[in-house]
Amino acid sequence: MEHDILSLLPDGTTVDADGTLRLGGCRVDDLAAKFGTPAIVVDEGALRARAREYRDELTARWPNARAVFASKAFPATAVQRVMVEEGLGLDVAGGGEIKSALRAGVAPALIVLHGNAKSTEEIELAVAAGVGLVVVDNADDVDRLEAIVPVGSRQGVLVRIVPGVESSTHAHVQTGQVGSKFGLTPPAASALIDRIRRSDRIEMRGVHAHVGSQIMDPTELAAAVAPLAAMGEFPVYDLGGGLGSRYTYGERPASVAEYLDALIGAARDHLPASAELIIEPGRSMVNGAAATLYTVTTVKRDARTFVAVDGGMGDNLEVALFEQRYEAALAQRLGEEATEEAVIVGRHCESGDVLIDPITLPEARVGDLLVVPATGAYTHTMANNYNGYRRPPVVFAHDGEARAVIRRETWDDLFARDLVD
């Protein structure tokens, strides 16, 4: 009988006769031997297929549209390069993401820069690079742009609007409600738009809204379209991202087609037919294409059964920050019955360093490989060095071949910025 974990892993993931998982055609024991654990393993074929799905489904519904990958979800140069090669632009949210986007080979005109508190340095980087659109979040962005954009040039901007949409997601990833730190309410935005239109260095291209992240119901995302339309007619409307990803067996997020049916349906009802539409998929673009491999280091059967692995909140902060729920399996024992309730915990010195509580597994043993699916979004980018933890590698697997696109940190890396001998 097929193990449930396969439903959360990329299409084409298989299990060998001995119960060992294959990701991107590669046995997990071979991956662990070559790259060590923890390791974030990306099925490159699944990543490319998802990018093409977004690109094709969007333009089939609204030909004058483009998808830009929200790089903050997985700002690895190799991941960004896949998006560029598949015809997507890149959404960036800081100086480092601008630089990695350029390293990935994106045409600067296809970059969209976000941020509620952009520094002067970041705006200088964007203007010098020729970034296509800067999303203005406040009047200070305009002040900086007018001081930085050279005489005779004009920088295209979008103004971020607070659409007043309360989304049914974790409070930490809601962004569309009144009182959000992002964007401007319509009256404040209207005043700033009038100012931009009087500028000889800034070109008012359109408006932007984003409701939040990990949203399962596409009607909540589509609800931002009418507030954008109410701001007036513009050449560009950026409808943001936010579609949820499946992490657990019980979750059923909308498909890309269902999401775009709702979003583009609202656009047809409210927006000019000639306008260019932009969407910014992030989590839903990359999350399901990756899984994290861990090694079980300790099993403690006492008041509860604690299965401790060699990673944790150093490579996955989603549980601590957003109470994200995950599933897992013993990646070389997929043919065995799950008989023991356990808690999967990390190696860090915090009681909150818990990956999954509870979970039922076969009786875990030290040395077992554990696979956690749906770790392509916000794991690599939020990895940290707590307790001197060395951040894990990112490995691309495809058709039975694997290569590291980001290496594991070394001990020397931990002290590269230390000025004390």
Protein backbone atom coordinates (compact mmCIF):
# COMPACT_ATOMS: atom_id res chain seq x y z
CA MET A 1 0.00 0.00 0.00
CA GLU A 2 1.34 3.46 -0.93
CA HIS A 3 2.54 5.54 2.00
CA ASP A 4 0.55 8.73 2.65
CA ILE A 5 3.78 10.78 2.68
CA LEU A 6 3.99 10.43 -1.12
CA SER A 7 0.94 12.66 -1.48
CA LEU A 8 2.95 15.55 0.02
CA LEU A 9 6.11 14.95 -2.01
CA PRO A 10 6.70 15.98 -5.64
CA ASP A 11 4.99 13.97 -8.38
CA GLY A 12 7.26 11.16 -9.47
CA THR A 13 8.64 10.48 -6.00
CA THR A 14 8.94 6.70 -5.53
CA VAL A 15 9.76 4.05 -2.95
CA ASP A 16 12.21 1.22 -3.62
CA ALA A 17 11.39 -2.39 -2.72
CA ASP A 18 13.37 -2.09 0.53
CA GLY A 19 11.21 0.82 1.71
CA THR A 20 13.69 3.58 0.83
CA LEU A 21 12.42 6.83 -0.61
CA ARG A 22 13.67 8.29 -3.89
CA LEU A 23 13.52 12.07 -4.36
CA GLY A 24 14.12 13.35 -7.89
CA GLY A 25 15.14 9.79 -8.75
CA CYS A 26 17.81 9.72 -6.00
CA ARG A 27 17.76 7.35 -3.02
CA VAL A 28 17.70 9.28 0.23
CA ASP A 29 20.46 7.17 1.75
CA ASP A 30 22.71 8.10 -1.19
CA LEU A 31 21.81 11.78 -0.77
CA ALA A 32 22.58 11.64 2.95
CA ALA A 33 25.90 9.89 2.33
CA LYS A 34 26.97 12.46 -0.27
CA PHE A 35 25.65 15.72 1.20
CA GLY A 36 25.11 14.93 4.87
CA THR A 37 22.06 15.89 6.91
CA PRO A 38 20.15 18.05 7.42
CA ALA A 39 19.77 18.86 3.73
CA ILE A 40 17.05 20.65 1.77
CA VAL A 41 16.44 18.54 -1.34
CA VAL A 42 14.68 20.19 -4.29
CA ASP A 43 13.13 18.15 -7.09
CA GLU A 44 14.24 20.39 -9.96
CA GLY A 45 11.75 18.90 -12.39
CA ALA A 46 8.86 19.64 -10.04
CA LEU A 47 10.12 23.19 -9.54
CA ARG A 48 10.24 23.84 -13.28
CA ALA A 49 6.83 22.26 -13.84
CA ARG A 50 5.26 24.54 -11.22
CA ALA A 51 6.80 27.63 -12.80
CA ARG A 52 5.45 26.63 -16.21
CA GLU A 53 2.04 25.90 -14.72
CA TYR A 54 1.80 29.40 -13.26
CA ARG A 55 3.10 31.02 -16.45
CA ASP A 56 0.81 29.14 -18.81
CA GLU A 57 -2.36 29.19 -16.71
CA LEU A 58 -2.02 32.93 -16.16
CA THR A 59 -1.46 33.98 -19.77
CA ALA A 60 -4.21 31.62 -20.97
CA ARG A 61 -6.66 33.71 -18.92
CA TRP A 62 -5.14 37.19 -19.41
CA PRO A 63 -2.54 37.38 -22.21
CA ASN A 64 -1.12 40.73 -21.05
CA ALA A 65 0.04 39.31 -17.73
CA ARG A 66 3.20 38.08 -16.09
CA ALA A 67 4.15 36.08 -13.04
CA VAL A 68 7.06 37.25 -10.93
CA PHE A 69 8.42 34.82 -8.35
CA ALA A 70 8.39 36.20 -4.79
CA SER A 71 12.07 35.49 -4.15
CA LYS A 72 11.80 35.89 -0.38
CA ALA A 73 10.22 32.44 -0.24
CA PHE A 74 13.42 30.77 -1.51
CA PRO A 75 16.08 33.34 -2.48
CA ALA A 76 18.68 30.89 -3.72
CA THR A 77 20.35 31.95 -6.96
CA ALA A 78 19.73 28.50 -8.45
CA VAL A 79 16.01 28.69 -7.66
CA GLN A 80 15.75 32.21 -9.06
CA ARG A 81 17.61 31.06 -12.19
CA VAL A 82 15.05 28.29 -12.76
CA MET A 83 12.31 30.91 -12.62
CA VAL A 84 14.12 33.15 -15.09
CA GLU A 85 14.74 30.24 -17.46
CA GLU A 86 11.04 29.37 -17.33
CA GLY A 87 10.04 32.90 -18.32
CA LEU A 88 9.16 34.49 -14.97
CA GLY A 89 10.27 37.78 -13.48
CA LEU A 90 11.50 38.18 -9.90
CA ASP A 91 9.99 40.02 -6.96
CA VAL A 92 12.67 41.08 -4.46
CA ALA A 93 12.46 42.56 -0.98
CA GLY A 94 15.93 43.86 -0.19
CA GLY A 95 19.42 44.55 -1.42
CA GLY A 96 20.64 40.98 -1.18
CA GLU A 97 17.69 39.73 -3.19
CA ILE A 98 18.37 42.39 -5.85
CA LYS A 99 21.94 41.15 -6.15
CA SER A 100 20.99 37.47 -6.24
CA ALA A 101 18.31 38.18 -8.86
CA LEU A 102 20.91 39.82 -11.07
CA ARG A 103 23.29 36.89 -10.49
CA ALA A 104 20.47 34.60 -11.61
CA GLY A 105 20.38 36.41 -14.96
CA VAL A 106 17.02 38.13 -14.80
CA ALA A 107 16.44 41.12 -17.06
CA PRO A 108 16.41 44.07 -14.61
CA ALA A 109 13.21 45.37 -16.19
CA LEU A 110 11.46 42.22 -14.92
CA ILE A 111 12.36 42.88 -11.26
CA VAL A 112 9.77 44.26 -8.84
CA LEU A 113 11.22 45.73 -5.62
CA HIS A 114 9.16 45.60 -2.43
CA GLY A 115 9.73 46.68 1.16
CA ASN A 116 8.05 48.80 3.80
CA ALA A 117 11.34 50.31 4.98
CA LYS A 118 13.69 50.44 2.00
CA SER A 119 17.07 51.95 2.75
CA THR A 120 18.73 54.61 0.64
CA GLU A 121 21.36 52.03 -0.33
CA GLU A 122 18.71 49.60 -1.58
CA ILE A 123 16.98 52.22 -3.68
CA GLU A 124 20.36 53.27 -5.09
CA LEU A 125 21.01 49.63 -6.01
CA ALA A 126 17.63 49.33 -7.68
CA VAL A 127 17.94 52.52 -9.71
CA ALA A 128 21.51 51.72 -10.78
CA ALA A 129 20.52 48.21 -11.86
CA GLY A 130 17.53 49.41 -13.88
CA VAL A 131 14.90 47.62 -11.78
CA GLY A 132 11.62 47.82 -13.68
CA LEU A 133 9.19 48.62 -10.87
CA VAL A 134 9.65 49.91 -7.34
CA VAL A 135 6.62 49.37 -5.12
CA VAL A 136 6.17 52.58 -3.14
CA ASP A 137 5.02 51.85 0.40
CA ASN A 138 5.32 55.32 1.94
CA ALA A 139 6.21 58.95 1.20
CA ASP A 140 9.83 58.35 2.25
CA ASP A 141 10.25 56.00 -0.72
CA VAL A 142 9.24 58.89 -2.96
CA ASP A 143 11.64 61.28 -1.22
CA ARG A 144 14.54 58.87 -1.78
CA LEU A 145 13.63 58.13 -5.37
CA GLU A 146 13.43 61.81 -6.26
CA ALA A 147 16.86 62.35 -4.71
CA ILE A 148 18.45 59.31 -6.39
CA VAL A 149 16.95 59.02 -9.89
CA PRO A 150 19.23 60.93 -12.30
CA VAL A 151 18.01 64.04 -14.09
CA GLY A 152 16.45 63.01 -17.37
CA SER A 153 15.51 59.52 -16.14
CA ARG A 154 12.25 58.25 -14.70
CA GLN A 155 11.73 55.28 -12.39
CA GLY A 156 8.52 53.29 -12.78
CA VAL A 157 6.61 52.75 -9.55
CA LEU A 158 3.53 51.05 -8.18
CA VAL A 159 1.81 52.34 -5.05
CA ARG A 160 0.90 49.69 -2.50
CA ILE A 161 -2.70 49.89 -1.32
CA VAL A 162 -4.21 48.47 1.85
CA PRO A 163 -7.26 46.71 0.37
CA GLY A 164 -9.04 46.27 3.71
CA VAL A 165 -9.31 42.48 3.33
CA GLU A 166 -9.14 40.33 6.48
CA SER A 167 -7.76 36.95 5.44
CA SER A 168 -8.20 33.64 7.26
CA THR A 169 -4.53 32.93 7.87
CA HIS A 170 -2.10 33.26 10.77
CA ALA A 171 -1.98 36.81 12.12
CA HIS A 172 1.76 37.00 11.46
CA VAL A 173 1.25 36.64 7.71
CA GLN A 174 -1.85 38.80 7.25
CA THR A 175 -1.05 41.94 5.23
CA GLY A 176 -4.29 43.21 3.68
CA GLN A 177 -6.13 44.47 6.74
CA VAL A 178 -6.37 48.08 7.90
CA GLY A 179 -3.57 48.55 10.43
CA SER A 180 -1.04 46.44 8.52
CA LYS A 181 2.50 47.82 8.46
CA PHE A 182 2.44 47.40 4.67
CA GLY A 183 0.94 49.85 2.22
CA LEU A 184 -1.30 52.89 2.44
CA THR A 185 -5.00 53.26 2.99
CA PRO A 186 -6.82 54.54 -0.12
CA PRO A 187 -7.02 58.21 1.01
CA ALA A 188 -3.29 58.35 1.84
CA ALA A 189 -2.45 56.46 -1.34
CA SER A 190 -4.48 58.89 -3.47
CA ALA A 191 -2.56 61.85 -2.08
CA LEU A 192 0.77 60.16 -2.76
CA ILE A 193 -0.30 59.19 -6.29
CA ASP A 194 -1.09 62.85 -7.00
CA ARG A 195 2.38 63.80 -5.79
CA ILE A 196 4.07 61.13 -7.93
CA ARG A 197 2.21 62.32 -11.01
CA ARG A 198 3.76 65.78 -10.52
CA SER A 199 7.28 64.34 -10.32
CA ASP A 200 9.68 64.59 -13.24
CA ARG A 201 11.71 61.59 -12.00
CA ILE A 202 9.04 59.05 -11.08
CA GLU A 203 6.55 57.46 -13.43
CA MET A 204 3.25 56.35 -11.91
CA ARG A 205 2.67 52.91 -13.46
CA GLY A 206 -0.03 51.41 -11.26
CA VAL A 207 -1.14 50.00 -7.93
CA HIS A 208 -0.40 46.91 -5.89
CA ALA A 209 -2.10 44.93 -3.14
CA HIS A 210 -1.28 41.81 -1.17
CA VAL A 211 -3.72 40.14 1.23
CA GLY A 212 -1.38 37.76 3.04
CA SER A 213 0.30 34.38 2.86
CA GLN A 214 -0.84 30.73 3.12
CA ILE A 215 -4.42 31.56 2.10
CA MET A 216 -6.47 28.55 1.05
CA ASP A 217 -9.61 30.31 -0.20
CA PRO A 218 -8.92 32.14 -3.50
CA THR A 219 -11.97 34.38 -3.07
CA GLU A 220 -10.09 36.16 -0.27
CA LEU A 221 -7.27 36.93 -2.69
CA ALA A 222 -9.68 38.03 -5.40
CA ALA A 223 -11.35 40.40 -2.92
CA ALA A 224 -8.39 42.80 -3.27
CA VAL A 225 -9.13 43.48 -6.95
CA ALA A 226 -12.12 45.78 -6.47
CA PRO A 227 -10.28 48.07 -4.00
CA LEU A 228 -7.44 48.37 -6.52
CA ALA A 229 -9.90 49.22 -9.30
CA ALA A 230 -11.42 51.91 -7.09
CA MET A 231 -8.09 53.76 -7.15
CA GLY A 232 -8.55 54.57 -10.84
CA GLU A 233 -7.28 53.40 -14.22
CA PHE A 234 -3.58 52.55 -14.58
CA PRO A 235 -1.40 50.66 -17.06
CA VAL A 236 -0.43 48.04 -14.41
CA TYR A 237 -2.24 46.26 -11.59
CA ASP A 238 -0.14 44.01 -9.34
CA LEU A 239 -2.47 41.57 -7.57
CA GLY A 240 0.17 40.13 -5.24
CA GLY A 241 0.44 36.48 -4.27
CA GLY A 242 -0.58 34.53 -1.19
CA LEU A 243 -1.98 31.20 -2.39
CA GLY A 244 -1.51 28.55 0.28
CA SER A 245 0.54 25.39 -0.01
CA ARG A 246 -0.28 21.90 1.25
CA TYR A 247 1.74 20.93 4.32
CA THR A 248 -0.46 18.26 5.92
CA TYR A 249 -2.65 15.39 4.85
CA GLY A 250 -5.82 17.24 5.76
CA GLU A 251 -5.12 20.51 3.93
CA ARG A 252 -6.68 21.23 0.54
CA PRO A 253 -5.46 24.54 -0.89
CA ALA A 254 -6.92 25.78 -4.15
CA SER A 255 -5.15 24.65 -7.29
CA VAL A 256 -3.37 27.18 -9.47
CA ALA A 257 -6.24 26.96 -11.96
CA GLU A 258 -8.87 27.56 -9.25
CA TYR A 259 -6.88 30.46 -7.83
CA LEU A 260 -6.46 32.12 -11.21
CA ASP A 261 -10.10 31.54 -12.15
CA ALA A 262 -11.10 33.55 -9.08
CA LEU A 263 -8.45 36.22 -9.48
CA ILE A 264 -8.81 36.80 -13.21
CA GLY A 265 -12.57 36.56 -12.94
CA ALA A 266 -12.46 39.53 -10.55
CA ALA A 267 -10.05 41.32 -12.88
CA ARG A 268 -12.46 40.94 -15.80
CA ASP A 269 -15.23 42.38 -13.65
CA HIS A 270 -13.29 45.39 -12.37
CA LEU A 271 -10.11 46.21 -14.30
CA PRO A 272 -9.46 47.71 -17.77
CA ALA A 273 -9.09 45.02 -20.40
CA SER A 274 -5.94 46.71 -21.71
CA ALA A 275 -4.10 46.68 -18.38
CA GLU A 276 -1.07 44.53 -17.62
CA LEU A 277 -1.60 42.21 -14.66
CA ILE A 278 1.18 40.98 -12.39
CA ILE A 279 0.96 38.17 -9.85
CA GLU A 280 3.61 37.27 -7.27
CA PRO A 281 3.50 33.57 -6.30
CA GLY A 282 6.00 32.61 -3.65
CA ARG A 283 5.20 29.86 -1.15
CA SER A 284 2.86 28.04 -3.53
CA MET A 285 5.52 28.15 -6.24
CA VAL A 286 8.32 26.41 -4.35
CA ASN A 287 7.11 24.76 -1.17
CA GLY A 288 5.97 21.43 -2.53
CA ALA A 289 9.08 20.94 -4.67
CA ALA A 290 11.37 20.42 -1.66
CA ALA A 291 11.77 18.23 1.39
CA THR A 292 14.26 18.22 4.25
CA LEU A 293 16.25 15.14 5.21
CA TYR A 294 17.32 14.71 8.84
CA THR A 295 19.10 11.99 10.80
CA VAL A 296 17.64 10.81 14.09
CA THR A 297 20.29 11.46 16.75
CA THR A 298 18.44 10.58 19.96
CA VAL A 299 15.30 8.67 20.95
CA LYS A 300 14.12 9.28 24.51
CA ARG A 301 11.20 7.17 25.74
CA ASP A 302 10.07 8.63 29.05
CA ALA A 303 7.01 10.74 29.91
CA ARG A 304 6.67 11.03 26.14
CA THR A 305 8.67 9.63 23.26
CA PHE A 306 10.98 12.31 21.92
CA VAL A 307 12.61 11.69 18.54
CA ALA A 308 15.40 14.26 18.20
CA VAL A 309 16.97 15.08 14.85
CA ASP A 310 20.16 16.86 13.82
CA GLY A 311 18.38 20.07 12.79
CA GLY A 312 15.33 21.99 13.94
CA MET A 313 14.65 25.68 14.34
CA GLY A 314 18.06 26.45 12.85
CA ASP A 315 16.78 25.29 9.46
CA ASN A 316 13.00 25.58 9.93
CA LEU A 317 11.52 28.51 11.86
CA GLU A 318 8.02 28.05 10.44
CA VAL A 319 6.77 26.11 13.47
CA ALA A 320 8.05 28.61 16.03
CA LEU A 321 6.96 31.69 14.05
CA PHE A 322 3.66 30.58 12.50
CA GLU A 323 2.71 27.36 14.33
CA GLN A 324 3.02 25.60 11.00
CA ARG A 325 2.10 21.91 11.07
CA TYR A 326 4.18 19.35 9.14
CA GLU A 327 4.09 15.63 8.40
CA ALA A 328 7.10 13.29 8.34
CA ALA A 329 8.15 9.70 7.73
CA LEU A 330 11.14 7.45 8.34
CA ALA A 331 12.55 7.64 4.84
CA GLN A 332 14.09 4.14 4.73
CA ARG A 333 11.26 2.36 6.52
CA LEU A 334 8.22 3.32 4.47
CA GLY A 335 6.91 -0.24 4.35
CA GLU A 336 6.63 -0.51 8.14
CA GLU A 337 3.53 0.08 10.23
CA ALA A 338 3.40 3.25 12.32
CA THR A 339 2.82 2.12 15.91
CA GLU A 340 4.36 4.71 18.24
CA GLU A 341 3.18 8.24 19.04
CA ALA A 342 6.14 10.59 19.30
CA VAL A 343 7.24 14.21 19.26
CA ILE A 344 9.87 15.21 16.69
CA VAL A 345 12.16 17.79 18.24
CA GLY A 346 15.26 19.62 17.15
CA ARG A 347 18.75 19.92 18.60
CA HIS A 348 18.53 23.55 19.75
CA CYS A 349 18.39 24.70 23.36
CA GLU A 350 14.81 25.95 23.30
CA SER A 351 11.64 24.20 24.43
CA GLY A 352 10.00 25.70 21.37
CA ASP A 353 12.34 23.77 19.08
CA VAL A 354 9.65 21.28 18.09
CA LEU A 355 9.09 20.20 14.49
CA ILE A 356 6.00 17.99 14.84
CA ASP A 357 3.82 17.29 17.89
CA PRO A 358 2.38 14.67 17.84
CA ILE A 359 3.12 12.18 15.08
CA THR A 360 2.79 8.41 14.77
CA LEU A 361 5.80 6.57 13.35
CA PRO A 362 7.36 3.11 13.37
CA GLU A 363 9.53 2.87 16.50
CA ALA A 364 12.35 5.26 15.60
CA ARG A 365 16.00 4.32 16.05
CA VAL A 366 19.17 6.39 16.19
CA GLY A 367 20.53 6.71 12.65
CA ASP A 368 17.14 6.61 10.92
CA LEU A 369 16.63 9.13 8.13
CA LEU A 370 13.56 11.32 8.58
CA VAL A 371 11.95 13.15 5.66
CA VAL A 372 9.79 16.25 6.16
CA PRO A 373 7.95 17.31 2.97
CA ALA A 374 6.86 20.82 1.99
CA THR A 375 9.97 22.69 3.10
CA GLY A 376 10.72 24.70 -0.04
CA ALA A 377 9.35 27.98 1.32
CA TYR A 378 10.88 30.13 4.07
CA THR A 379 13.22 27.45 5.42
CA HIS A 380 16.45 28.21 3.56
CA THR A 381 15.90 31.96 3.76
CA MET A 382 15.25 31.99 7.54
CA ALA A 383 17.93 29.45 8.48
CA ASN A 384 20.19 30.68 11.26
CA ASN A 385 23.27 29.91 13.33
CA TYR A 386 21.64 29.46 16.74
CA ASN A 387 23.87 27.39 19.03
CA GLY A 388 26.60 27.60 16.38
CA TYR A 389 24.45 25.66 13.92
CA ARG A 390 25.85 25.42 10.41
CA ARG A 391 23.15 26.16 7.88
CA PRO A 392 22.35 23.19 5.62
CA PRO A 393 22.98 22.72 1.93
CA VAL A 394 20.41 23.03 -0.83
CA VAL A 395 20.57 20.06 -3.19
CA PHE A 396 18.92 19.85 -6.62
CA ALA A 397 17.88 16.32 -7.61
CA HIS A 398 16.68 15.44 -11.10
CA ASP A 399 16.46 12.16 -13.04
CA GLY A 400 18.65 10.36 -10.53
CA GLU A 401 21.42 12.96 -10.48
CA ALA A 402 22.03 15.33 -7.58
CA ARG A 403 24.15 18.42 -7.11
CA ALA A 404 24.57 20.95 -4.32
CA VAL A 405 23.58 24.46 -5.38
CA ILE A 406 24.36 25.87 -1.91
CA ARG A 407 26.95 24.11 0.20
CA ARG A 408 26.71 23.42 3.91
CA GLU A 409 28.35 26.09 6.05
CA THR A 410 31.72 25.27 7.52
CA TRP A 411 33.08 26.04 10.98
CA ASP A 412 35.23 28.73 9.37
CA ASP A 413 32.12 30.31 7.85
CA LEU A 414 30.75 30.88 11.35
CA PHE A 415 33.66 33.19 12.13
CA ALA A 416 34.12 34.85 8.75
CA ARG A 417 32.81 38.17 10.12
CA ASP A 418 34.50 37.87 13.50
CA LEU A 419 37.16 40.60 13.90
CA VAL A 420 38.68 39.02 16.99
CA ASP A 421 41.45 36.42 16.48
